[in-house]
C-alpha cells in the first residue's frame, strides 16, 4: 500500500493513475492496439513470435478489464479471437505447419476450447481459453502455449494494474509488413443531422473511447475500422444511441 501511495503521489497529474475511467480507457486502447497489430500481421500471412505474443497479451488485458465491469460486444469478440488465434498460430509453428490467415470458424460459432497456459505464465496471468472450431487440418485439442524468451517477457496482470504507463510498446513489424490497402469510401455519405440532445457523462466517455479506437486503427493503417468507430461516436453524440 505504501508503494501504491508513493506511485500515486509521483504521478498526481497522470490520469491513467489517478482516474479509474481514464486508466480503463488506457488499458482498453492498448489491448486494441495489440489486437489490431496481430490481426493485420496474421491476415498478411506474416506469422512469428511477435504475432503470438501480441494476440496473447491482448487477451490477458481484456481479462483484466473484465474484472472492472462488462466488456462491450466488440471487446468480447476480440478477447475470444485473440486467445484462440494465439494458441492456433503457436501450435502451427511448433509443428512445422503453415497457419491459415484470418478467421477459420463460421460466424456465430460460440464453441470454446479450454487452453491452459504453462506454469511460467499461469502463475502471473489469468487462465485463458481459445475459441473457435478450426478445420480438420488443425487438432482442436491445442497444446500449451510456451512462455516467451527471457528477453521479451510479457507484463504480468499485477504490473499492468499497478503501473499502466509502463506497458511495453506494441511490437514493430519485424515479419515483412505488407502493403497498405486504402479504404474506398462510398460515393455518397449522408451528413449527420445535429440535434439538441443532452449527452450523459457515460455517453461522452463512450464516444471518447470510439475516437481513441479510431486513432489506434489509423496507427496501423486500418482506415475502415477508424471510420466505423468515428461513425459510432458521431451516432452516439447526435442520437444518444450506441450502435
C-alpha atoms as a PDB file:
ATOM      1  CA  UNK A   1       0.000   0.000   0.000  1.00  0.00           C
ATOM      2  CA  UNK A   2       2.851   2.388   0.801  1.00  0.00           C
ATOM      3  CA  UNK A   3       4.335   1.756  -2.624  1.00  0.00           C
ATOM      4  CA  UNK A   4       0.993   2.424  -4.313  1.00  0.00           C
ATOM      5  CA  UNK A   5       0.557   5.687  -2.430  1.00  0.00           C
ATOM      6  CA  UNK A   6       4.072   6.735  -3.440  1.00  0.00           C
ATOM      7  CA  UNK A   7       3.353   5.990  -7.095  1.00  0.00           C
ATOM      8  CA  UNK A   8       0.100   7.963  -6.927  1.00  0.00           C
ATOM      9  CA  UNK A   9       1.886  10.978  -5.437  1.00  0.00           C
ATOM     10  CA  UNK A  10       4.661  10.836  -8.024  1.00  0.00           C
ATOM     11  CA  UNK A  11       2.081  10.656 -10.833  1.00  0.00           C
ATOM     12  CA  UNK A  12      -0.526  13.034  -9.440  1.00  0.00           C
ATOM     13  CA  UNK A  13      -1.008  14.642 -12.868  1.00  0.00           C
ATOM     14  CA  UNK A  14      -1.293  11.359 -14.759  1.00  0.00           C
ATOM     15  CA  UNK A  15      -4.961  10.485 -15.292  1.00  0.00           C
ATOM     16  CA  UNK A  16      -4.042   6.894 -16.096  1.00  0.00           C
ATOM     17  CA  UNK A  17      -3.003   6.604 -12.429  1.00  0.00           C
ATOM     18  CA  UNK A  18      -5.415   8.933 -10.629  1.00  0.00           C
ATOM     19  CA  UNK A  19      -8.609   8.409 -12.643  1.00  0.00           C
ATOM     20  CA  UNK A  20     -10.105   4.913 -12.882  1.00  0.00           C
ATOM     21  CA  UNK A  21     -12.121   5.702 -16.013  1.00  0.00           C
ATOM     22  CA  UNK A  22      -9.025   7.053 -17.761  1.00  0.00           C
ATOM     23  CA  UNK A  23      -6.985   4.043 -16.618  1.00  0.00           C
ATOM     24  CA  UNK A  24      -9.553   1.617 -18.026  1.00  0.00           C
ATOM     25  CA  UNK A  25      -9.651   3.539 -21.304  1.00  0.00           C
ATOM     26  CA  UNK A  26      -5.831   3.435 -21.402  1.00  0.00           C
ATOM     27  CA  UNK A  27      -5.785  -0.350 -20.942  1.00  0.00           C
ATOM     28  CA  UNK A  28      -8.592  -0.962 -23.419  1.00  0.00           C
ATOM     29  CA  UNK A  29      -6.896   1.237 -26.002  1.00  0.00           C
ATOM     30  CA  UNK A  30      -3.621  -0.671 -25.570  1.00  0.00           C
ATOM     31  CA  UNK A  31      -5.393  -4.042 -25.831  1.00  0.00           C
ATOM     32  CA  UNK A  32      -6.956  -2.883 -29.105  1.00  0.00           C
ATOM     33  CA  UNK A  33      -3.575  -1.690 -30.429  1.00  0.00           C
ATOM     34  CA  UNK A  34      -2.057  -5.121 -29.787  1.00  0.00           C
ATOM     35  CA  UNK A  35      -5.052  -6.873 -31.336  1.00  0.00           C
ATOM     36  CA  UNK A  36      -5.027  -4.724 -34.493  1.00  0.00           C
ATOM     37  CA  UNK A  37      -1.281  -5.244 -34.917  1.00  0.00           C
ATOM     38  CA  UNK A  38      -1.562  -9.020 -34.558  1.00  0.00           C
ATOM     39  CA  UNK A  39      -4.649  -9.271 -36.776  1.00  0.00           C
ATOM     40  CA  UNK A  40      -3.001  -7.194 -39.533  1.00  0.00           C
ATOM     41  CA  UNK A  41       0.122  -9.377 -39.482  1.00  0.00           C
ATOM     42  CA  UNK A  42      -1.954 -12.570 -39.407  1.00  0.00           C
ATOM     43  CA  UNK A  43      -4.124 -11.570 -42.378  1.00  0.00           C
ATOM     44  CA  UNK A  44      -0.968 -10.722 -44.350  1.00  0.00           C
ATOM     45  CA  UNK A  45       0.455 -14.180 -43.524  1.00  0.00           C
ATOM     46  CA  UNK A  46       3.315 -12.639 -41.541  1.00  0.00           C
ATOM     47  CA  UNK A  47       3.486 -15.221 -38.755  1.00  0.00           C
ATOM     48  CA  UNK A  48       6.025 -15.072 -35.946  1.00  0.00           C
ATOM     49  CA  UNK A  49       6.531 -14.911 -32.199  1.00  0.00           C
ATOM     50  CA  UNK A  50       5.552 -11.231 -32.033  1.00  0.00           C
ATOM     51  CA  UNK A  51       2.144 -12.039 -33.508  1.00  0.00           C
ATOM     52  CA  UNK A  52       1.559 -14.831 -30.980  1.00  0.00           C
ATOM     53  CA  UNK A  53       2.655 -12.609 -28.085  1.00  0.00           C
ATOM     54  CA  UNK A  54       0.513  -9.703 -29.267  1.00  0.00           C
ATOM     55  CA  UNK A  55      -2.630 -11.856 -29.554  1.00  0.00           C
ATOM     56  CA  UNK A  56      -1.944 -13.470 -26.171  1.00  0.00           C
ATOM     57  CA  UNK A  57      -1.193 -10.170 -24.378  1.00  0.00           C
ATOM     58  CA  UNK A  58      -4.314  -8.579 -25.840  1.00  0.00           C
ATOM     59  CA  UNK A  59      -6.449 -11.403 -24.458  1.00  0.00           C
ATOM     60  CA  UNK A  60      -4.877 -11.096 -20.991  1.00  0.00           C
ATOM     61  CA  UNK A  61      -5.502  -7.338 -20.849  1.00  0.00           C
ATOM     62  CA  UNK A  62      -9.137  -7.876 -21.863  1.00  0.00           C
ATOM     63  CA  UNK A  63      -9.376 -10.394 -18.988  1.00  0.00           C
ATOM     64  CA  UNK A  64      -8.137  -7.706 -16.594  1.00  0.00           C
ATOM     65  CA  UNK A  65     -10.635  -5.186 -17.940  1.00  0.00           C
ATOM     66  CA  UNK A  66     -13.451  -7.681 -17.422  1.00  0.00           C
ATOM     67  CA  UNK A  67     -12.806  -7.645 -13.653  1.00  0.00           C
ATOM     68  CA  UNK A  68     -13.884  -3.978 -13.581  1.00  0.00           C
ATOM     69  CA  UNK A  69     -17.120  -4.407 -15.494  1.00  0.00           C
ATOM     70  CA  UNK A  70     -18.820  -5.883 -18.523  1.00  0.00           C
ATOM     71  CA  UNK A  71     -16.917  -5.624 -21.790  1.00  0.00           C
ATOM     72  CA  UNK A  72     -18.504  -4.328 -24.969  1.00  0.00           C
ATOM     73  CA  UNK A  73     -19.577  -6.848 -27.598  1.00  0.00           C
ATOM     74  CA  UNK A  74     -16.621  -5.823 -29.767  1.00  0.00           C
ATOM     75  CA  UNK A  75     -14.140  -6.251 -26.905  1.00  0.00           C
ATOM     76  CA  UNK A  76     -15.557  -9.678 -26.019  1.00  0.00           C
ATOM     77  CA  UNK A  77     -15.174 -10.770 -29.624  1.00  0.00           C
ATOM     78  CA  UNK A  78     -11.581  -9.500 -29.754  1.00  0.00           C
ATOM     79  CA  UNK A  79     -10.791 -11.270 -26.465  1.00  0.00           C
ATOM     80  CA  UNK A  80     -12.075 -14.662 -27.639  1.00  0.00           C
ATOM     81  CA  UNK A  81     -10.485 -14.412 -31.071  1.00  0.00           C
ATOM     82  CA  UNK A  82      -7.106 -13.256 -29.710  1.00  0.00           C
ATOM     83  CA  UNK A  83      -6.811 -16.208 -27.318  1.00  0.00           C
ATOM     84  CA  UNK A  84      -7.811 -18.764 -29.918  1.00  0.00           C
ATOM     85  CA  UNK A  85      -5.557 -17.299 -32.591  1.00  0.00           C
ATOM     86  CA  UNK A  86      -2.535 -17.130 -30.264  1.00  0.00           C
ATOM     87  CA  UNK A  87      -2.833 -20.841 -29.473  1.00  0.00           C
ATOM     88  CA  UNK A  88      -3.514 -21.815 -33.079  1.00  0.00           C
ATOM     89  CA  UNK A  89      -0.548 -19.953 -34.614  1.00  0.00           C
ATOM     90  CA  UNK A  90       1.776 -21.121 -31.832  1.00  0.00           C
ATOM     91  CA  UNK A  91       0.968 -24.782 -32.400  1.00  0.00           C
ATOM     92  CA  UNK A  92       1.182 -24.487 -36.182  1.00  0.00           C
ATOM     93  CA  UNK A  93       4.666 -23.002 -35.924  1.00  0.00           C
ATOM     94  CA  UNK A  94       5.697 -25.573 -33.337  1.00  0.00           C
ATOM     95  CA  UNK A  95       4.548 -28.445 -35.571  1.00  0.00           C
ATOM     96  CA  UNK A  96       6.114 -27.012 -38.710  1.00  0.00           C
ATOM     97  CA  UNK A  97       2.735 -26.223 -40.280  1.00  0.00           C
ATOM     98  CA  UNK A  98       1.724 -23.049 -42.110  1.00  0.00           C
ATOM     99  CA  UNK A  99      -1.109 -21.238 -40.273  1.00  0.00           C
ATOM    100  CA  UNK A 100      -4.180 -20.217 -42.240  1.00  0.00           C
ATOM    101  CA  UNK A 101      -4.586 -16.414 -42.029  1.00  0.00           C
ATOM    102  CA  UNK A 102      -7.793 -14.822 -40.815  1.00  0.00           C
ATOM    103  CA  UNK A 103     -10.840 -16.439 -39.189  1.00  0.00           C
ATOM    104  CA  UNK A 104     -11.342 -20.180 -39.623  1.00  0.00           C
ATOM    105  CA  UNK A 105     -14.739 -20.561 -37.971  1.00  0.00           C
ATOM    106  CA  UNK A 106     -18.267 -19.941 -39.117  1.00  0.00           C
ATOM    107  CA  UNK A 107     -19.751 -16.646 -37.990  1.00  0.00           C
ATOM    108  CA  UNK A 108     -21.791 -17.105 -34.839  1.00  0.00           C
ATOM    109  CA  UNK A 109     -19.892 -20.200 -33.725  1.00  0.00           C
ATOM    110  CA  UNK A 110     -19.507 -19.778 -29.975  1.00  0.00           C
ATOM    111  CA  UNK A 111     -17.937 -23.146 -29.240  1.00  0.00           C
ATOM    112  CA  UNK A 112     -14.927 -22.760 -26.957  1.00  0.00           C
ATOM    113  CA  UNK A 113     -11.929 -24.978 -26.382  1.00  0.00           C
ATOM    114  CA  UNK A 114     -10.234 -24.556 -23.000  1.00  0.00           C
ATOM    115  CA  UNK A 115      -6.498 -23.975 -23.063  1.00  0.00           C
ATOM    116  CA  UNK A 116      -4.261 -23.867 -20.016  1.00  0.00           C
ATOM    117  CA  UNK A 117      -1.225 -21.617 -20.091  1.00  0.00           C
ATOM    118  CA  UNK A 118       2.127 -23.089 -18.981  1.00  0.00           C
ATOM    119  CA  UNK A 119       3.149 -22.718 -15.372  1.00  0.00           C
ATOM    120  CA  UNK A 120       5.517 -19.792 -16.017  1.00  0.00           C
ATOM    121  CA  UNK A 121       2.680 -17.688 -17.425  1.00  0.00           C
ATOM    122  CA  UNK A 122      -0.171 -19.162 -15.376  1.00  0.00           C
ATOM    123  CA  UNK A 123       1.434 -18.059 -12.088  1.00  0.00           C
ATOM    124  CA  UNK A 124       1.128 -14.384 -13.053  1.00  0.00           C
ATOM    125  CA  UNK A 125      -1.731 -14.273 -15.538  1.00  0.00           C
ATOM    126  CA  UNK A 126      -5.409 -15.276 -15.728  1.00  0.00           C
ATOM    127  CA  UNK A 127      -6.344 -18.661 -17.245  1.00  0.00           C
ATOM    128  CA  UNK A 128      -7.031 -18.384 -20.932  1.00  0.00           C
ATOM    129  CA  UNK A 129      -9.495 -20.089 -23.256  1.00  0.00           C
ATOM    130  CA  UNK A 130      -9.209 -20.407 -27.015  1.00  0.00           C
ATOM    131  CA  UNK A 131     -12.274 -20.123 -29.165  1.00  0.00           C
ATOM    132  CA  UNK A 132     -13.461 -21.307 -32.491  1.00  0.00           C
ATOM    133  CA  UNK A 133     -13.683 -24.627 -34.301  1.00  0.00           C
ATOM    134  CA  UNK A 134     -10.626 -24.981 -36.568  1.00  0.00           C
ATOM    135  CA  UNK A 135     -10.990 -27.177 -39.629  1.00  0.00           C
ATOM    136  CA  UNK A 136      -9.979 -30.787 -39.827  1.00  0.00           C
ATOM    137  CA  UNK A 137      -6.382 -29.903 -40.659  1.00  0.00           C
ATOM    138  CA  UNK A 138      -5.960 -28.493 -37.195  1.00  0.00           C
ATOM    139  CA  UNK A 139      -6.386 -30.511 -33.984  1.00  0.00           C
ATOM    140  CA  UNK A 140      -8.805 -28.615 -31.651  1.00  0.00           C
ATOM    141  CA  UNK A 141      -7.048 -30.115 -28.626  1.00  0.00           C
ATOM    142  CA  UNK A 142      -4.486 -27.344 -28.652  1.00  0.00           C
ATOM    143  CA  UNK A 143      -1.198 -27.794 -26.848  1.00  0.00           C
ATOM    144  CA  UNK A 144       0.103 -25.455 -24.214  1.00  0.00           C
ATOM    145  CA  UNK A 145       1.471 -22.069 -25.206  1.00  0.00           C
ATOM    146  CA  UNK A 146       5.146 -21.885 -24.316  1.00  0.00           C
ATOM    147  CA  UNK A 147       6.388 -18.838 -22.399  1.00  0.00           C
ATOM    148  CA  UNK A 148       8.248 -16.194 -24.422  1.00  0.00           C
ATOM    149  CA  UNK A 149      12.005 -15.888 -24.294  1.00  0.00           C
ATOM    150  CA  UNK A 150      13.656 -14.169 -21.340  1.00  0.00           C
ATOM    151  CA  UNK A 151      14.455 -11.034 -23.328  1.00  0.00           C
ATOM    152  CA  UNK A 152      10.806 -10.417 -24.216  1.00  0.00           C
ATOM    153  CA  UNK A 153       8.857 -11.287 -21.061  1.00  0.00           C
ATOM    154  CA  UNK A 154       5.177 -10.385 -21.106  1.00  0.00           C
ATOM    155  CA  UNK A 155       3.917  -7.977 -18.413  1.00  0.00           C
ATOM    156  CA  UNK A 156       2.052  -9.629 -15.556  1.00  0.00           C
ATOM    157  CA  UNK A 157      -1.513  -8.724 -14.661  1.00  0.00           C
ATOM    158  CA  UNK A 158      -0.290  -7.123 -11.407  1.00  0.00           C
ATOM    159  CA  UNK A 159       2.269  -4.975 -13.238  1.00  0.00           C
ATOM    160  CA  UNK A 160      -0.338  -3.748 -15.702  1.00  0.00           C
ATOM    161  CA  UNK A 161      -2.825  -2.861 -12.964  1.00  0.00           C
ATOM    162  CA  UNK A 162      -0.283  -1.105 -10.742  1.00  0.00           C
ATOM    163  CA  UNK A 163       1.573   0.805 -13.441  1.00  0.00           C
ATOM    164  CA  UNK A 164      -0.338   1.074 -16.743  1.00  0.00           C
ATOM    165  CA  UNK A 165       2.079   3.703 -18.093  1.00  0.00           C
ATOM    166  CA  UNK A 166       4.878   1.120 -18.176  1.00  0.00           C
ATOM    167  CA  UNK A 167       3.118  -1.154 -20.641  1.00  0.00           C
ATOM    168  CA  UNK A 168       5.536  -2.295 -23.358  1.00  0.00           C
ATOM    169  CA  UNK A 169       5.313  -0.649 -26.735  1.00  0.00           C
ATOM    170  CA  UNK A 170       3.444  -2.580 -29.432  1.00  0.00           C
ATOM    171  CA  UNK A 171       5.810  -4.796 -31.444  1.00  0.00           C
ATOM    172  CA  UNK A 172       7.363  -3.407 -34.575  1.00  0.00           C
ATOM    173  CA  UNK A 173       6.682  -5.032 -37.909  1.00  0.00           C
ATOM    174  CA  UNK A 174       9.595  -7.468 -37.984  1.00  0.00           C
ATOM    175  CA  UNK A 175       7.700 -10.051 -40.035  1.00  0.00           C
ATOM    176  CA  UNK A 176       7.716  -8.444 -43.502  1.00  0.00           C
ATOM    177  CA  UNK A 177       4.877  -5.946 -43.163  1.00  0.00           C
ATOM    178  CA  UNK A 178       2.506  -5.991 -46.106  1.00  0.00           C
ATOM    179  CA  UNK A 179       1.287  -3.145 -48.243  1.00  0.00           C
ATOM    180  CA  UNK A 180      -1.348  -0.652 -47.247  1.00  0.00           C
ATOM    181  CA  UNK A 181      -4.775  -1.211 -48.765  1.00  0.00           C
ATOM    182  CA  UNK A 182      -6.682   2.088 -48.842  1.00  0.00           C
ATOM    183  CA  UNK A 183     -10.334   2.131 -47.863  1.00  0.00           C
ATOM    184  CA  UNK A 184     -12.621   3.169 -50.722  1.00  0.00           C
ATOM    185  CA  UNK A 185     -15.434   5.333 -49.309  1.00  0.00           C
ATOM    186  CA  UNK A 186     -18.954   5.105 -50.723  1.00  0.00           C
ATOM    187  CA  UNK A 187     -19.959   7.629 -53.375  1.00  0.00           C
ATOM    188  CA  UNK A 188     -22.237   9.498 -51.026  1.00  0.00           C
ATOM    189  CA  UNK A 189     -22.299   9.603 -47.242  1.00  0.00           C
ATOM    190  CA  UNK A 190     -25.321  11.433 -45.817  1.00  0.00           C
ATOM    191  CA  UNK A 191     -24.365  14.151 -43.382  1.00  0.00           C
ATOM    192  CA  UNK A 192     -25.393  13.615 -39.765  1.00  0.00           C
ATOM    193  CA  UNK A 193     -28.230  15.766 -38.505  1.00  0.00           C
ATOM    194  CA  UNK A 194     -27.173  17.763 -35.457  1.00  0.00           C
ATOM    195  CA  UNK A 195     -29.916  17.958 -32.851  1.00  0.00           C
ATOM    196  CA  UNK A 196     -30.219  19.448 -29.404  1.00  0.00           C
ATOM    197  CA  UNK A 197     -29.535  16.355 -27.306  1.00  0.00           C
ATOM    198  CA  UNK A 198     -28.492  16.082 -23.672  1.00  0.00           C
ATOM    199  CA  UNK A 199     -25.500  13.742 -23.594  1.00  0.00           C
ATOM    200  CA  UNK A 200     -24.807  11.922 -20.325  1.00  0.00           C
ATOM    201  CA  UNK A 201     -21.247  11.684 -18.926  1.00  0.00           C
ATOM    202  CA  UNK A 202     -21.275   7.944 -19.655  1.00  0.00           C
ATOM    203  CA  UNK A 203     -22.177   8.561 -23.294  1.00  0.00           C
ATOM    204  CA  UNK A 204     -19.468  11.211 -23.559  1.00  0.00           C
ATOM    205  CA  UNK A 205     -16.845   8.769 -22.216  1.00  0.00           C
ATOM    206  CA  UNK A 206     -18.021   6.075 -24.641  1.00  0.00           C
ATOM    207  CA  UNK A 207     -17.769   8.496 -27.569  1.00  0.00           C
ATOM    208  CA  UNK A 208     -14.231   9.406 -26.489  1.00  0.00           C
ATOM    209  CA  UNK A 209     -13.346   5.712 -26.461  1.00  0.00           C
ATOM    210  CA  UNK A 210     -14.603   5.288 -30.021  1.00  0.00           C
ATOM    211  CA  UNK A 211     -12.443   8.238 -31.093  1.00  0.00           C
ATOM    212  CA  UNK A 212      -9.407   6.669 -29.401  1.00  0.00           C
ATOM    213  CA  UNK A 213     -10.137   3.369 -31.149  1.00  0.00           C
ATOM    214  CA  UNK A 214     -10.231   5.231 -34.449  1.00  0.00           C
ATOM    215  CA  UNK A 215      -6.856   6.814 -33.718  1.00  0.00           C
ATOM    216  CA  UNK A 216      -5.384   3.424 -32.827  1.00  0.00           C
ATOM    217  CA  UNK A 217      -6.709   1.917 -36.043  1.00  0.00           C
ATOM    218  CA  UNK A 218      -5.087   4.681 -38.093  1.00  0.00           C
ATOM    219  CA  UNK A 219      -1.755   3.894 -36.414  1.00  0.00           C
ATOM    220  CA  UNK A 220      -1.963   0.507 -38.134  1.00  0.00           C
ATOM    221  CA  UNK A 221      -3.345   1.768 -41.472  1.00  0.00           C
ATOM    222  CA  UNK A 222      -6.770   0.281 -40.730  1.00  0.00           C
ATOM    223  CA  UNK A 223      -8.854   3.061 -42.279  1.00  0.00           C
ATOM    224  CA  UNK A 224     -12.059   1.018 -42.394  1.00  0.00           C
ATOM    225  CA  UNK A 225     -12.041   0.355 -38.640  1.00  0.00           C
ATOM    226  CA  UNK A 226     -11.211   4.005 -37.955  1.00  0.00           C
ATOM    227  CA  UNK A 227     -14.201   5.173 -39.988  1.00  0.00           C
ATOM    228  CA  UNK A 228     -16.509   2.664 -38.291  1.00  0.00           C
ATOM    229  CA  UNK A 229     -15.510   3.889 -34.824  1.00  0.00           C
ATOM    230  CA  UNK A 230     -15.833   7.548 -35.797  1.00  0.00           C
ATOM    231  CA  UNK A 231     -19.302   6.856 -37.159  1.00  0.00           C
ATOM    232  CA  UNK A 232     -20.229   5.130 -33.884  1.00  0.00           C
ATOM    233  CA  UNK A 233     -19.046   8.170 -31.921  1.00  0.00           C
ATOM    234  CA  UNK A 234     -20.966  10.539 -34.210  1.00  0.00           C
ATOM    235  CA  UNK A 235     -24.157   8.477 -33.931  1.00  0.00           C
ATOM    236  CA  UNK A 236     -23.863   8.356 -30.148  1.00  0.00           C
ATOM    237  CA  UNK A 237     -23.363  12.126 -29.872  1.00  0.00           C
ATOM    238  CA  UNK A 238     -26.141  13.037 -32.306  1.00  0.00           C
ATOM    239  CA  UNK A 239     -28.798  10.457 -31.397  1.00  0.00           C
ATOM    240  CA  UNK A 240     -27.801   9.111 -27.992  1.00  0.00           C
ATOM    241  CA  UNK A 241     -27.894   5.600 -29.459  1.00  0.00           C
ATOM    242  CA  UNK A 242     -24.886   3.274 -29.094  1.00  0.00           C
ATOM    243  CA  UNK A 243     -24.943   1.098 -32.198  1.00  0.00           C
END
